[in-house]
Amino acid sequence: MIQVIVNGAPHRFERSIDVAALVAHLELSGKRIAVERNGEIVPKSSHGSTVVADGDRLEIVVAVGGG
């Protein structure tokens, strides 16, 4: 089991998970987001290949449009 912190809240997973799967789990797929893992931006092109490890801290920001 791994535990990660996402936007300050703990999340537990039975096994390793990549950023793309985490985004899907959080129901953010298809939204304009930015992901930071342990202080470094994860490019969208790397979401599927970046594995989240036990103890990682992630910040996920959703872009909101308006006028």
N, C-alpha and C. Protein backbone atom coordinates (compact mmCIF):
# COMPACT_ATOMS: atom_id res chain seq x y z
N MET A 1 0.85 -1.18 0.00
CA MET A 1 0.00 0.00 0.00
C MET A 1 0.89 1.24 0.00
N ILE A 2 0.48 2.22 -0.78
CA ILE A 2 1.21 3.48 -0.79
C ILE A 2 0.29 4.60 -0.33
N GLN A 3 0.89 5.61 0.27
CA GLN A 3 0.14 6.80 0.67
C GLN A 3 0.80 8.01 0.06
N VAL A 4 -0.01 8.87 -0.53
CA VAL A 4 0.48 10.12 -1.11
C VAL A 4 -0.39 11.25 -0.59
N ILE A 5 0.15 12.45 -0.69
CA ILE A 5 -0.60 13.64 -0.29
C ILE A 5 -0.94 14.40 -1.57
N VAL A 6 -2.23 14.65 -1.79
CA VAL A 6 -2.69 15.39 -2.96
C VAL A 6 -3.42 16.63 -2.46
N ASN A 7 -2.87 17.79 -2.80
CA ASN A 7 -3.45 19.07 -2.37
C ASN A 7 -3.70 19.09 -0.86
N GLY A 8 -2.76 18.53 -0.12
CA GLY A 8 -2.82 18.55 1.34
C GLY A 8 -3.62 17.41 1.97
N ALA A 9 -4.28 16.58 1.17
CA ALA A 9 -5.09 15.49 1.72
C ALA A 9 -4.45 14.14 1.42
N PRO A 10 -4.42 13.25 2.42
CA PRO A 10 -3.83 11.92 2.19
C PRO A 10 -4.73 11.04 1.33
N HIS A 11 -4.11 10.25 0.47
CA HIS A 11 -4.80 9.27 -0.37
C HIS A 11 -4.00 7.99 -0.31
N ARG A 12 -4.71 6.85 -0.17
CA ARG A 12 -4.04 5.55 -0.11
C ARG A 12 -4.45 4.72 -1.32
N PHE A 13 -3.48 3.96 -1.83
CA PHE A 13 -3.71 3.08 -2.97
C PHE A 13 -3.09 1.73 -2.67
N GLU A 14 -3.73 0.68 -3.16
CA GLU A 14 -3.27 -0.68 -2.93
C GLU A 14 -1.94 -0.97 -3.62
N ARG A 15 -1.72 -0.32 -4.77
CA ARG A 15 -0.49 -0.58 -5.53
C ARG A 15 -0.03 0.72 -6.17
N SER A 16 1.11 0.66 -6.82
CA SER A 16 1.65 1.83 -7.51
C SER A 16 0.65 2.34 -8.53
N ILE A 17 0.70 3.62 -8.77
CA ILE A 17 -0.23 4.28 -9.67
C ILE A 17 0.54 5.37 -10.42
N ASP A 18 0.22 5.56 -11.69
CA ASP A 18 0.88 6.66 -12.41
C ASP A 18 0.01 7.91 -12.30
N VAL A 19 0.57 9.03 -12.71
CA VAL A 19 -0.13 10.31 -12.59
C VAL A 19 -1.44 10.29 -13.38
N ALA A 20 -1.45 9.69 -14.57
CA ALA A 20 -2.66 9.64 -15.39
C ALA A 20 -3.78 8.88 -14.66
N ALA A 21 -3.44 7.76 -14.01
CA ALA A 21 -4.43 6.99 -13.27
C ALA A 21 -4.91 7.76 -12.04
N LEU A 22 -4.01 8.49 -11.41
CA LEU A 22 -4.39 9.31 -10.26
C LEU A 22 -5.37 10.40 -10.68
N VAL A 23 -5.09 11.04 -11.79
CA VAL A 23 -5.97 12.09 -12.32
C VAL A 23 -7.35 11.49 -12.62
N ALA A 24 -7.39 10.31 -13.21
CA ALA A 24 -8.66 9.65 -13.49
C ALA A 24 -9.39 9.30 -12.20
N HIS A 25 -8.64 8.79 -11.21
CA HIS A 25 -9.23 8.44 -9.91
C HIS A 25 -9.88 9.66 -9.26
N LEU A 26 -9.27 10.82 -9.43
CA LEU A 26 -9.79 12.05 -8.85
C LEU A 26 -10.86 12.71 -9.72
N GLU A 27 -11.22 12.03 -10.81
CA GLU A 27 -12.24 12.50 -11.75
C GLU A 27 -11.89 13.85 -12.36
N LEU A 28 -10.61 13.99 -12.74
CA LEU A 28 -10.14 15.22 -13.36
C LEU A 28 -9.74 15.02 -14.82
N SER A 29 -9.97 13.82 -15.34
CA SER A 29 -9.62 13.54 -16.74
C SER A 29 -10.40 14.48 -17.65
N GLY A 30 -9.71 14.99 -18.66
CA GLY A 30 -10.34 15.86 -19.64
C GLY A 30 -10.37 17.32 -19.23
N LYS A 31 -9.98 17.62 -17.99
CA LYS A 31 -9.94 19.01 -17.54
C LYS A 31 -8.55 19.58 -17.75
N ARG A 32 -8.49 20.88 -17.84
CA ARG A 32 -7.20 21.56 -17.98
C ARG A 32 -6.56 21.65 -16.61
N ILE A 33 -5.52 20.86 -16.41
CA ILE A 33 -4.87 20.80 -15.10
C ILE A 33 -3.36 20.96 -15.23
N ALA A 34 -2.75 21.28 -14.10
CA ALA A 34 -1.30 21.27 -13.97
C ALA A 34 -0.99 20.39 -12.77
N VAL A 35 0.02 19.53 -12.92
CA VAL A 35 0.39 18.61 -11.84
C VAL A 35 1.84 18.88 -11.42
N GLU A 36 2.02 19.02 -10.12
CA GLU A 36 3.35 19.18 -9.56
C GLU A 36 3.58 18.01 -8.61
N ARG A 37 4.72 17.34 -8.78
CA ARG A 37 5.07 16.19 -7.92
C ARG A 37 6.36 16.50 -7.21
N ASN A 38 6.32 16.56 -5.91
CA ASN A 38 7.49 16.85 -5.09
C ASN A 38 8.21 18.12 -5.55
N GLY A 39 7.42 19.14 -5.89
CA GLY A 39 7.99 20.44 -6.25
C GLY A 39 8.37 20.60 -7.70
N GLU A 40 8.15 19.57 -8.53
CA GLU A 40 8.51 19.66 -9.95
C GLU A 40 7.29 19.41 -10.81
N ILE A 41 7.12 20.24 -11.84
CA ILE A 41 6.00 20.09 -12.77
C ILE A 41 6.14 18.78 -13.53
N VAL A 42 5.02 18.07 -13.67
CA VAL A 42 4.98 16.85 -14.48
C VAL A 42 4.28 17.22 -15.80
N PRO A 43 5.02 17.24 -16.91
CA PRO A 43 4.39 17.57 -18.19
C PRO A 43 3.27 16.59 -18.52
N LYS A 44 2.22 17.07 -19.16
CA LYS A 44 1.09 16.21 -19.50
C LYS A 44 1.54 15.00 -20.31
N SER A 45 2.54 15.18 -21.16
CA SER A 45 3.04 14.07 -21.98
C SER A 45 3.69 12.97 -21.13
N SER A 46 4.00 13.27 -19.87
CA SER A 46 4.64 12.30 -18.98
C SER A 46 3.69 11.72 -17.94
N HIS A 47 2.42 12.12 -17.94
CA HIS A 47 1.49 11.62 -16.92
C HIS A 47 1.40 10.11 -16.90
N GLY A 48 1.38 9.46 -18.07
CA GLY A 48 1.24 8.02 -18.14
C GLY A 48 2.50 7.26 -17.74
N SER A 49 3.64 7.92 -17.77
CA SER A 49 4.90 7.24 -17.47
C SER A 49 5.51 7.67 -16.13
N THR A 50 4.87 8.60 -15.44
CA THR A 50 5.38 9.06 -14.15
C THR A 50 4.65 8.32 -13.03
N VAL A 51 5.38 7.45 -12.35
CA VAL A 51 4.79 6.65 -11.27
C VAL A 51 4.84 7.43 -9.97
N VAL A 52 3.73 7.42 -9.26
CA VAL A 52 3.64 8.07 -7.96
C VAL A 52 4.14 7.09 -6.91
N ALA A 53 5.05 7.52 -6.08
CA ALA A 53 5.66 6.66 -5.07
C ALA A 53 5.13 6.99 -3.67
N ASP A 54 5.28 6.03 -2.78
CA ASP A 54 4.87 6.22 -1.39
C ASP A 54 5.53 7.48 -0.83
N GLY A 55 4.73 8.34 -0.23
CA GLY A 55 5.26 9.56 0.38
C GLY A 55 5.32 10.76 -0.53
N ASP A 56 5.00 10.60 -1.81
CA ASP A 56 5.02 11.74 -2.73
C ASP A 56 3.99 12.78 -2.32
N ARG A 57 4.31 14.03 -2.64
CA ARG A 57 3.38 15.15 -2.41
C ARG A 57 3.05 15.72 -3.78
N LEU A 58 1.76 15.78 -4.07
CA LEU A 58 1.33 16.30 -5.36
C LEU A 58 0.40 17.48 -5.16
N GLU A 59 0.51 18.44 -6.05
CA GLU A 59 -0.42 19.55 -6.12
C GLU A 59 -1.03 19.51 -7.52
N ILE A 60 -2.34 19.52 -7.57
CA ILE A 60 -3.04 19.50 -8.85
C ILE A 60 -3.93 20.73 -8.90
N VAL A 61 -3.69 21.56 -9.92
CA VAL A 61 -4.43 22.80 -10.08
C VAL A 61 -5.30 22.68 -11.33
N VAL A 62 -6.58 23.01 -11.17
CA VAL A 62 -7.52 22.97 -12.28
C VAL A 62 -7.71 24.39 -12.78
N ALA A 63 -7.50 24.58 -14.11
CA ALA A 63 -7.68 25.89 -14.71
C ALA A 63 -9.17 26.20 -14.80
N VAL A 64 -9.54 27.41 -14.41
CA VAL A 64 -10.93 27.83 -14.45
C VAL A 64 -11.02 29.05 -15.35
N GLY A 65 -11.88 28.96 -16.35
CA GLY A 65 -12.06 30.08 -17.26
C GLY A 65 -13.23 30.94 -16.80
N GLY A 66 -13.26 32.11 -17.28
CA GLY A 66 -14.36 33.00 -16.93
C GLY A 66 -14.18 34.34 -17.60
N GLY A 67 -15.12 35.17 -17.42
CA GLY A 67 -14.99 36.45 -18.09
C GLY A 67 -15.80 37.50 -17.49
